[in-house]
Amino acid sequence: MNLLPLLTLRYDPMDIYVPTFRLRDVSVTDVSKSYTKQNPVSVRILETKIRSAIRSEVDKFNQNKICVALSAGVDSNLILCLLREEYPTQELECINVSFDEKNEAIEAKKIAEKKGADFRQVYVEDPLRDLPAMINIIKEPRWNIYQYYFIKKAKSISNLLFTGDGGDEIFAGYTFRYKKFLQFCDRNAGPLERAKVYLSCHERDWVPDQNEMFAKELKFDWSSIYSLLTSYFNNNLNPLDQVILADYNGKLMHDFVPTNDKYFRFFKLQGISPLLDNDVVELGFDLPSDMKYDIGSDIGKLPLRDILRIYAPDAVKKMNVKVGYGMDLVSLWNSGGRETVTTLLDKGRIFEDNLIDKDWYFRSLKRINENLDLRYISKLLQILSLEVWYRIFVSSEMNPSQHI
């Protein structure tokens, strides 16, 4: 595990983890096929493949009750709708996780009830409290790994949990950064320049003085980070397809899928993501990017929306803004996050053992105190996770069952 990319990109692409199922490899060649196809894949064929992926898993495991991780967004709603279409009498229980009063649980509950599914809201008052237990399972210094809560709850209900994972990466759901990338990426820009713009669209993962964060012994260098991304931009794909390719082979492949899989294995739960089925992935990348994202309206996941519109026309009208499990970082910081961070980090082992620069840490605290900079709040929560990881796996000072 290399801390430099992990604390900058949120994943280490060189750390190979083999999940329970083999996620289909996607290359430049796979994406470029859509450029030469005279008859693009129809939405109906895509729906058929997603339904087939659902049926094969449900029939294989034969559960009395099936859980669905449900937000108020497109992906999980689509899975719920197609599950209900395939199995009209199947007992379904939807699980939603929320962290503050401004949550989407009310809307998610309405969606579940319309499909005749039970609904369970898991409210997490302090998402940092269980960080040792989460990190002990993931075995990496991460803090935003709160899939833990709905996966743990699902295990108490069923042995089968469906998720909408993969919708954003395959069908162009990260609209909040596509426009920025397309706006600032000059059409004549080379791979390095495009990699830099791509990274600038993930600004919550790093901070402007990232090079000062690491202790000098670790020798952080931005060029080593850029080199991990340039291959996705050193080709003749259009800019949006380059971004989608980077997203799929980056966070999805090395962050989201391994994290979920580790939880599934720990809780002995079958986690099913129909949108990551090999046939669905192949069809997804056979679709031209302009069939997935409309730059004018800034709306993505167009083929998934087209399917959902058939089965939940009222709900899909409200889904033009990306939603999903998340939290208000300022609220988290003010309600106890700052105290948790400073309690563990003011005398942190990661400073003593020359992983993170302590002066940078105190400068970052000051910056947050002055203007509640979200990027630095996010980064200090990540540094907190590093301290927890270090105390569990290196210095053996922390019991994973301990609350912080």
Protein backbone atom coordinates (compact mmCIF):
# COMPACT_ATOMS: atom_id res chain seq x y z
CA MET A 1 0.00 0.00 0.00
CA ASN A 2 1.45 3.32 -1.12
CA LEU A 3 0.23 6.21 1.04
CA LEU A 4 1.10 8.89 -1.52
CA PRO A 5 -1.59 8.02 -4.12
CA LEU A 6 -3.97 6.66 -1.48
CA LEU A 7 -4.05 10.01 0.34
CA THR A 8 -4.17 11.99 -2.91
CA LEU A 9 -6.45 10.04 -5.25
CA ARG A 10 -8.26 8.10 -2.49
CA TYR A 11 -6.99 4.83 -3.94
CA ASP A 12 -3.73 3.15 -4.90
CA PRO A 13 -4.01 1.77 -8.46
CA MET A 14 -0.97 -0.42 -7.93
CA ASP A 15 -2.55 -2.20 -4.95
CA ILE A 16 -4.32 -5.10 -6.66
CA TYR A 17 -7.28 -6.56 -4.79
CA VAL A 18 -9.19 -9.50 -6.26
CA PRO A 19 -12.90 -9.18 -5.40
CA THR A 20 -15.34 -12.07 -5.16
CA PHE A 21 -16.50 -11.37 -8.70
CA ARG A 22 -14.23 -10.33 -11.55
CA LEU A 23 -15.04 -6.81 -12.70
CA ARG A 24 -14.77 -6.61 -16.47
CA ASP A 25 -11.62 -4.90 -17.75
CA VAL A 26 -12.34 -1.87 -19.95
CA SER A 27 -9.68 -0.42 -22.25
CA VAL A 28 -9.40 2.33 -24.86
CA THR A 29 -10.24 -0.28 -27.50
CA ASP A 30 -13.49 -1.22 -25.73
CA VAL A 31 -14.60 2.41 -25.58
CA SER A 32 -13.59 3.25 -29.15
CA LYS A 33 -15.86 0.47 -30.50
CA SER A 34 -18.86 2.74 -29.98
CA TYR A 35 -17.38 5.19 -32.52
CA THR A 36 -17.68 2.72 -35.38
CA LYS A 37 -20.97 1.04 -34.48
CA GLN A 38 -23.61 1.95 -37.03
CA ASN A 39 -26.46 0.75 -34.82
CA PRO A 40 -25.94 1.79 -31.19
CA VAL A 41 -27.27 -0.49 -28.46
CA SER A 42 -30.94 0.16 -27.77
CA VAL A 43 -32.22 1.00 -24.31
CA ARG A 44 -34.53 -2.03 -24.51
CA ILE A 45 -31.58 -4.39 -24.99
CA LEU A 46 -29.84 -2.76 -22.04
CA GLU A 47 -32.92 -3.25 -19.88
CA THR A 48 -33.08 -6.91 -20.92
CA LYS A 49 -29.47 -7.46 -19.87
CA ILE A 50 -29.98 -5.78 -16.48
CA ARG A 51 -33.10 -7.88 -15.86
CA SER A 52 -31.17 -11.02 -16.80
CA ALA A 53 -28.42 -10.13 -14.33
CA ILE A 54 -31.05 -9.66 -11.60
CA ARG A 55 -32.82 -12.95 -12.35
CA SER A 56 -29.66 -15.02 -12.37
CA GLU A 57 -28.74 -13.86 -8.86
CA VAL A 58 -32.21 -14.04 -7.30
CA ASP A 59 -32.83 -17.53 -8.68
CA LYS A 60 -29.38 -18.68 -7.58
CA PHE A 61 -29.79 -17.71 -3.93
CA ASN A 62 -33.56 -18.18 -3.45
CA GLN A 63 -34.07 -15.82 -0.50
CA ASN A 64 -37.42 -15.22 1.21
CA LYS A 65 -36.55 -11.55 1.63
CA ILE A 66 -34.18 -9.44 -0.48
CA CYS A 67 -32.59 -6.15 0.59
CA VAL A 68 -31.98 -3.16 -1.67
CA ALA A 69 -29.64 -0.29 -0.77
CA LEU A 70 -31.89 2.63 -1.72
CA SER A 71 -31.16 6.33 -2.09
CA ALA A 72 -33.42 8.78 -3.93
CA GLY A 73 -31.21 8.57 -7.01
CA VAL A 74 -31.46 6.89 -10.40
CA ASP A 75 -29.32 3.76 -10.00
CA SER A 76 -30.80 2.17 -6.88
CA ASN A 77 -34.32 3.14 -7.96
CA LEU A 78 -33.81 1.41 -11.28
CA ILE A 79 -32.67 -1.78 -9.55
CA LEU A 80 -35.69 -1.68 -7.22
CA CYS A 81 -38.10 -1.15 -10.13
CA LEU A 82 -36.68 -3.99 -12.23
CA LEU A 83 -36.56 -6.31 -9.21
CA ARG A 84 -40.24 -5.65 -8.63
CA GLU A 85 -41.07 -6.11 -12.32
CA GLU A 86 -39.30 -9.47 -12.38
CA TYR A 87 -40.66 -10.63 -9.00
CA PRO A 88 -44.07 -9.03 -8.32
CA THR A 89 -44.64 -10.95 -5.06
CA GLN A 90 -41.08 -11.07 -3.73
CA GLU A 91 -40.64 -9.59 -0.25
CA LEU A 92 -38.28 -6.63 -0.55
CA GLU A 93 -36.76 -4.42 2.13
CA CYS A 94 -35.10 -1.14 1.18
CA ILE A 95 -32.36 0.30 3.39
CA ASN A 96 -31.42 3.97 3.42
CA VAL A 97 -28.57 5.49 5.43
CA SER A 98 -28.70 9.11 6.57
CA PHE A 99 -26.40 11.24 8.68
CA ASP A 100 -28.26 14.48 9.39
CA GLU A 101 -31.69 16.07 9.20
CA LYS A 102 -31.19 17.17 5.57
CA ASN A 103 -31.44 13.71 4.14
CA GLU A 104 -33.27 11.97 1.33
CA ALA A 105 -34.81 9.25 3.47
CA ILE A 106 -38.33 10.70 3.18
CA GLU A 107 -38.22 10.57 -0.61
CA ALA A 108 -36.60 7.13 -0.61
CA LYS A 109 -39.35 5.82 1.66
CA LYS A 110 -42.04 7.05 -0.76
CA ILE A 111 -40.27 5.30 -3.63
CA ALA A 112 -40.05 2.03 -1.68
CA GLU A 113 -43.70 2.15 -0.67
CA LYS A 114 -44.82 2.71 -4.28
CA LYS A 115 -43.07 -0.52 -5.19
CA GLY A 116 -44.60 -2.45 -2.31
CA ALA A 117 -41.30 -2.74 -0.45
CA ASP A 118 -40.64 -2.37 3.25
CA PHE A 119 -38.35 0.50 4.23
CA ARG A 120 -35.67 0.76 6.89
CA GLN A 121 -33.86 4.00 7.65
CA VAL A 122 -30.49 3.68 9.35
CA TYR A 123 -29.71 6.98 11.04
CA VAL A 124 -26.06 7.49 11.96
CA GLU A 125 -25.59 10.28 14.46
CA ASP A 126 -21.79 10.11 14.54
CA PRO A 127 -20.20 8.48 11.44
CA LEU A 128 -16.71 8.75 12.98
CA ARG A 129 -17.59 6.72 16.06
CA ASP A 130 -17.23 3.35 14.31
CA LEU A 131 -14.16 4.26 12.25
CA PRO A 132 -11.90 1.70 13.98
CA ALA A 133 -14.31 -1.14 13.19
CA MET A 134 -14.65 -0.02 9.57
CA ILE A 135 -10.91 0.41 9.02
CA ASN A 136 -10.24 -2.96 10.63
CA ILE A 137 -12.38 -4.55 7.90
CA ILE A 138 -11.13 -2.45 4.97
CA LYS A 139 -7.52 -2.51 6.20
CA GLU A 140 -6.80 0.84 4.58
CA PRO A 141 -6.82 4.42 5.94
CA ARG A 142 -10.22 5.59 4.67
CA TRP A 143 -12.95 7.53 6.41
CA ASN A 144 -15.83 7.79 3.89
CA ILE A 145 -16.55 4.06 3.93
CA TYR A 146 -20.02 4.24 5.41
CA GLN A 147 -21.40 1.47 3.19
CA TYR A 148 -20.65 -0.38 6.42
CA TYR A 149 -23.97 0.73 7.87
CA PHE A 150 -26.39 -0.50 5.23
CA ILE A 151 -24.40 -3.68 4.59
CA LYS A 152 -24.37 -4.51 8.29
CA LYS A 153 -28.10 -3.80 8.56
CA ALA A 154 -28.86 -5.87 5.44
CA LYS A 155 -27.14 -8.91 6.97
CA SER A 156 -29.59 -8.82 9.88
CA ILE A 157 -32.47 -9.07 7.38
CA SER A 158 -31.30 -11.20 4.47
CA ASN A 159 -28.30 -12.89 2.88
CA LEU A 160 -28.78 -10.95 -0.36
CA LEU A 161 -28.30 -7.21 -0.94
CA PHE A 162 -28.77 -5.42 -4.27
CA THR A 163 -27.02 -2.12 -5.00
CA GLY A 164 -26.91 0.31 -7.92
CA ASP A 165 -23.12 0.46 -7.97
CA GLY A 166 -21.52 1.25 -11.33
CA GLY A 167 -24.22 3.53 -12.71
CA ASP A 168 -22.16 6.69 -12.32
CA GLU A 169 -18.94 5.32 -13.77
CA ILE A 170 -20.41 3.41 -16.73
CA PHE A 171 -23.37 5.62 -17.68
CA ALA A 172 -21.91 9.08 -17.00
CA GLY A 173 -23.39 10.10 -13.68
CA TYR A 174 -20.69 12.45 -12.38
CA THR A 175 -22.15 15.47 -14.12
CA PHE A 176 -20.88 17.87 -11.46
CA ARG A 177 -17.38 17.54 -12.90
CA TYR A 178 -17.94 16.80 -16.61
CA LYS A 179 -18.72 20.41 -17.50
CA LYS A 180 -15.67 21.61 -15.60
CA PHE A 181 -13.41 19.15 -17.38
CA LEU A 182 -14.81 19.99 -20.81
CA GLN A 183 -14.60 23.71 -20.09
CA PHE A 184 -10.98 23.74 -18.94
CA CYS A 185 -9.57 20.99 -21.14
CA ASP A 186 -8.19 22.56 -24.30
CA ARG A 187 -8.83 20.36 -27.33
CA ASN A 188 -5.11 20.49 -28.16
CA ALA A 189 -4.03 19.61 -24.61
CA GLY A 190 -1.70 16.65 -24.23
CA PRO A 191 -2.14 13.68 -21.85
CA LEU A 192 -0.33 15.36 -18.95
CA GLU A 193 -2.38 18.55 -19.18
CA ARG A 194 -5.61 16.52 -19.36
CA ALA A 195 -4.59 14.43 -16.37
CA LYS A 196 -4.03 17.63 -14.39
CA VAL A 197 -7.47 18.98 -15.37
CA TYR A 198 -9.05 15.64 -14.47
CA LEU A 199 -7.44 15.76 -11.04
CA SER A 200 -8.61 19.34 -10.57
CA CYS A 201 -12.18 18.02 -10.97
CA HIS A 202 -11.61 15.80 -7.90
CA GLU A 203 -10.62 18.63 -5.61
CA ARG A 204 -12.20 17.11 -2.51
CA ASP A 205 -9.58 14.32 -2.61
CA TRP A 206 -6.54 16.58 -2.19
CA VAL A 207 -5.59 20.06 -1.00
CA PRO A 208 -3.52 22.81 -2.67
CA ASP A 209 -0.57 22.29 -0.32
CA GLN A 210 -0.72 18.49 -0.60
CA ASN A 211 3.05 18.41 -1.20
CA GLU A 212 3.57 19.94 2.26
CA MET A 213 1.28 17.44 3.98
CA PHE A 214 3.63 14.46 3.81
CA ALA A 215 6.80 14.23 5.87
CA LYS A 216 9.89 14.88 3.76
CA GLU A 217 11.01 11.27 4.14
CA LEU A 218 8.12 10.12 1.94
CA LYS A 219 9.25 12.33 -0.98
CA PHE A 220 5.88 13.27 -2.39
CA ASP A 221 6.00 14.37 -6.03
CA TRP A 222 3.02 15.47 -8.13
CA SER A 223 4.57 14.00 -11.27
CA SER A 224 4.27 10.50 -9.80
CA ILE A 225 0.54 11.10 -9.26
CA TYR A 226 -0.01 12.44 -12.78
CA SER A 227 1.79 9.41 -14.22
CA LEU A 228 -0.92 7.16 -12.77
CA LEU A 229 -3.58 8.97 -14.80
CA THR A 230 -1.99 9.94 -18.12
CA SER A 231 -2.64 6.60 -19.84
CA TYR A 232 -6.39 7.34 -19.83
CA PHE A 233 -5.76 10.55 -21.79
CA ASN A 234 -3.03 9.38 -24.16
CA ASN A 235 -5.42 8.24 -26.89
CA ASN A 236 -7.85 9.51 -29.53
CA LEU A 237 -11.01 9.14 -27.47
CA ASN A 238 -13.17 12.21 -27.03
CA PRO A 239 -12.61 14.04 -23.72
CA LEU A 240 -15.76 12.77 -22.01
CA ASP A 241 -14.96 9.15 -22.84
CA GLN A 242 -11.46 9.69 -21.44
CA VAL A 243 -12.97 10.87 -18.16
CA ILE A 244 -15.41 7.94 -18.01
CA LEU A 245 -12.55 5.50 -18.71
CA ALA A 246 -10.46 7.07 -15.92
CA ASP A 247 -13.38 6.94 -13.49
CA TYR A 248 -14.10 3.29 -14.23
CA ASN A 249 -10.46 2.19 -13.95
CA GLY A 250 -9.82 4.41 -10.95
CA LYS A 251 -12.26 4.88 -8.10
CA LEU A 252 -14.67 2.15 -9.20
CA MET A 253 -12.02 -0.50 -9.81
CA HIS A 254 -9.74 0.32 -6.88
CA ASP A 255 -11.96 2.02 -4.30
CA PHE A 256 -15.70 1.34 -4.46
CA VAL A 257 -15.69 -2.29 -5.60
CA PRO A 258 -12.93 -3.50 -3.22
CA THR A 259 -14.43 -1.60 -0.28
CA ASN A 260 -17.88 -3.10 -0.77
CA ASP A 261 -16.46 -6.56 -1.40
CA LYS A 262 -14.48 -6.50 1.83
CA TYR A 263 -17.64 -5.65 3.75
CA PHE A 264 -19.63 -8.34 1.94
CA ARG A 265 -17.00 -10.94 2.82
CA PHE A 266 -16.77 -9.81 6.44
CA PHE A 267 -20.54 -9.92 7.01
CA LYS A 268 -20.92 -13.09 4.87
CA LEU A 269 -23.45 -11.33 2.68
CA GLN A 270 -24.03 -11.73 -1.06
CA GLY A 271 -23.76 -8.27 -2.55
CA ILE A 272 -25.19 -7.99 -6.05
CA SER A 273 -24.62 -5.04 -8.41
CA PRO A 274 -26.48 -5.77 -11.67
CA LEU A 275 -25.01 -2.71 -13.39
CA LEU A 276 -21.56 -4.29 -12.92
CA ASP A 277 -22.59 -7.51 -14.63
CA ASN A 278 -20.09 -8.23 -17.42
CA ASP A 279 -22.71 -8.08 -20.17
CA VAL A 280 -24.17 -4.84 -18.81
CA VAL A 281 -20.70 -3.25 -18.59
CA GLU A 282 -19.95 -4.25 -22.19
CA LEU A 283 -23.23 -2.77 -23.42
CA GLY A 284 -22.64 0.36 -21.37
CA PHE A 285 -19.35 1.04 -23.11
CA ASP A 286 -20.87 0.22 -26.49
CA LEU A 287 -23.07 3.29 -26.03
CA PRO A 288 -21.64 6.57 -27.38
CA SER A 289 -21.03 9.11 -24.63
CA ASP A 290 -23.57 11.53 -26.13
CA MET A 291 -26.21 8.87 -25.49
CA LYS A 292 -25.24 8.89 -21.83
CA TYR A 293 -24.64 12.58 -21.06
CA ASP A 294 -26.36 15.71 -22.39
CA ILE A 295 -23.96 18.62 -21.98
CA GLY A 296 -26.69 21.19 -22.69
CA SER A 297 -28.92 20.13 -19.80
CA ASP A 298 -26.00 18.73 -17.77
CA ILE A 299 -27.90 15.47 -17.20
CA GLY A 300 -26.23 12.08 -17.25
CA LYS A 301 -27.23 8.41 -17.13
CA LEU A 302 -29.67 9.02 -19.96
CA PRO A 303 -30.28 5.34 -20.88
CA LEU A 304 -30.91 4.42 -17.24
CA ARG A 305 -33.32 7.34 -16.96
CA ASP A 306 -35.13 6.16 -20.08
CA ILE A 307 -35.70 2.75 -18.52
CA LEU A 308 -36.69 4.21 -15.15
CA ARG A 309 -39.14 6.56 -16.84
CA ILE A 310 -41.20 3.52 -17.88
CA TYR A 311 -41.60 2.20 -14.33
CA ALA A 312 -41.34 5.32 -12.13
CA PRO A 313 -42.21 8.34 -14.32
CA ASP A 314 -42.97 10.63 -11.38
CA ALA A 315 -39.79 9.81 -9.51
CA VAL A 316 -37.40 10.28 -12.43
CA LYS A 317 -38.55 13.89 -12.91
CA LYS A 318 -36.99 14.74 -9.54
CA MET A 319 -33.64 13.12 -10.29
CA ASN A 320 -31.80 15.75 -12.32
CA VAL A 321 -29.33 16.40 -9.53
CA LYS A 322 -26.95 13.69 -8.40
CA VAL A 323 -27.95 12.31 -5.01
CA GLY A 324 -26.81 9.44 -2.87
CA TYR A 325 -25.39 8.68 0.51
CA GLY A 326 -23.46 11.64 1.82
CA MET A 327 -23.13 14.02 4.70
CA ASP A 328 -22.77 17.70 5.54
CA LEU A 329 -19.07 18.02 6.38
CA VAL A 330 -19.43 21.39 8.11
CA SER A 331 -22.18 19.99 10.33
CA LEU A 332 -20.08 16.91 11.04
CA TRP A 333 -17.06 19.04 11.92
CA ASN A 334 -19.00 21.38 14.21
CA SER A 335 -20.99 18.66 15.95
CA GLY A 336 -18.01 16.67 17.17
CA GLY A 337 -15.70 16.02 14.24
CA ARG A 338 -13.22 18.67 15.28
CA GLU A 339 -13.03 17.28 18.81
CA THR A 340 -12.52 13.72 17.52
CA VAL A 341 -9.79 14.84 15.12
CA THR A 342 -7.86 16.92 17.62
CA THR A 343 -8.17 14.33 20.41
CA LEU A 344 -6.40 11.72 18.30
CA LEU A 345 -4.15 13.88 16.16
CA ASP A 346 -2.77 16.53 18.47
CA LYS A 347 -0.43 13.81 19.73
CA GLY A 348 -0.64 11.59 16.67
CA ARG A 349 1.73 8.70 16.03
CA ILE A 350 1.74 9.49 12.31
CA PHE A 351 3.64 12.70 13.13
CA GLU A 352 6.07 11.04 15.50
CA ASP A 353 6.90 8.35 12.95
CA ASN A 354 7.31 10.82 10.07
CA LEU A 355 4.36 10.06 7.83
CA ILE A 356 2.57 13.42 8.00
CA ASP A 357 4.03 16.85 8.72
CA LYS A 358 2.72 18.12 12.05
CA ASP A 359 3.14 21.80 11.16
CA TRP A 360 0.94 21.25 8.11
CA TYR A 361 -1.69 19.69 10.38
CA PHE A 362 -1.84 22.71 12.69
CA ARG A 363 -1.91 25.11 9.72
CA SER A 364 -4.84 23.16 8.31
CA LEU A 365 -6.71 23.35 11.61
CA LYS A 366 -6.21 27.10 11.61
CA ARG A 367 -7.49 27.36 8.05
CA ILE A 368 -10.64 25.44 8.96
CA ASN A 369 -11.20 27.57 12.05
CA GLU A 370 -11.00 30.69 9.89
CA ASN A 371 -13.23 29.74 6.97
CA LEU A 372 -14.51 26.15 7.38
CA ASP A 373 -12.73 25.07 4.19
CA LEU A 374 -14.47 21.84 3.08
CA ARG A 375 -11.40 20.48 1.35
CA TYR A 376 -9.34 20.69 4.51
CA ILE A 377 -12.11 19.21 6.64
CA SER A 378 -12.24 16.26 4.25
CA LYS A 379 -8.45 15.93 4.27
CA LEU A 380 -8.16 16.02 8.06
CA LEU A 381 -10.82 13.31 8.30
CA GLN A 382 -8.67 11.25 5.96
CA ILE A 383 -5.62 11.94 8.10
CA LEU A 384 -7.68 10.88 11.12
CA SER A 385 -8.34 7.56 9.37
CA LEU A 386 -4.59 7.18 8.79
CA GLU A 387 -3.96 7.63 12.50
CA VAL A 388 -6.62 5.04 13.35
CA TRP A 389 -5.20 2.62 10.76
CA TYR A 390 -1.70 3.14 12.12
CA ARG A 391 -2.74 2.52 15.72
CA ILE A 392 -4.57 -0.69 14.76
CA PHE A 393 -2.15 -2.28 12.31
CA VAL A 394 1.28 -0.77 13.04
CA SER A 395 1.60 0.31 16.66
CA SER A 396 -1.18 -2.04 17.92
CA GLU A 397 -2.36 0.63 20.37
CA MET A 398 -6.03 0.60 19.35
CA ASN A 399 -8.64 -2.10 19.67
CA PRO A 400 -10.88 -2.19 16.57
CA SER A 401 -13.95 -2.47 18.77
CA GLN A 402 -13.05 0.84 20.42
CA HIS A 403 -15.24 3.86 19.62
CA ILE A 404 -13.61 7.22 18.98
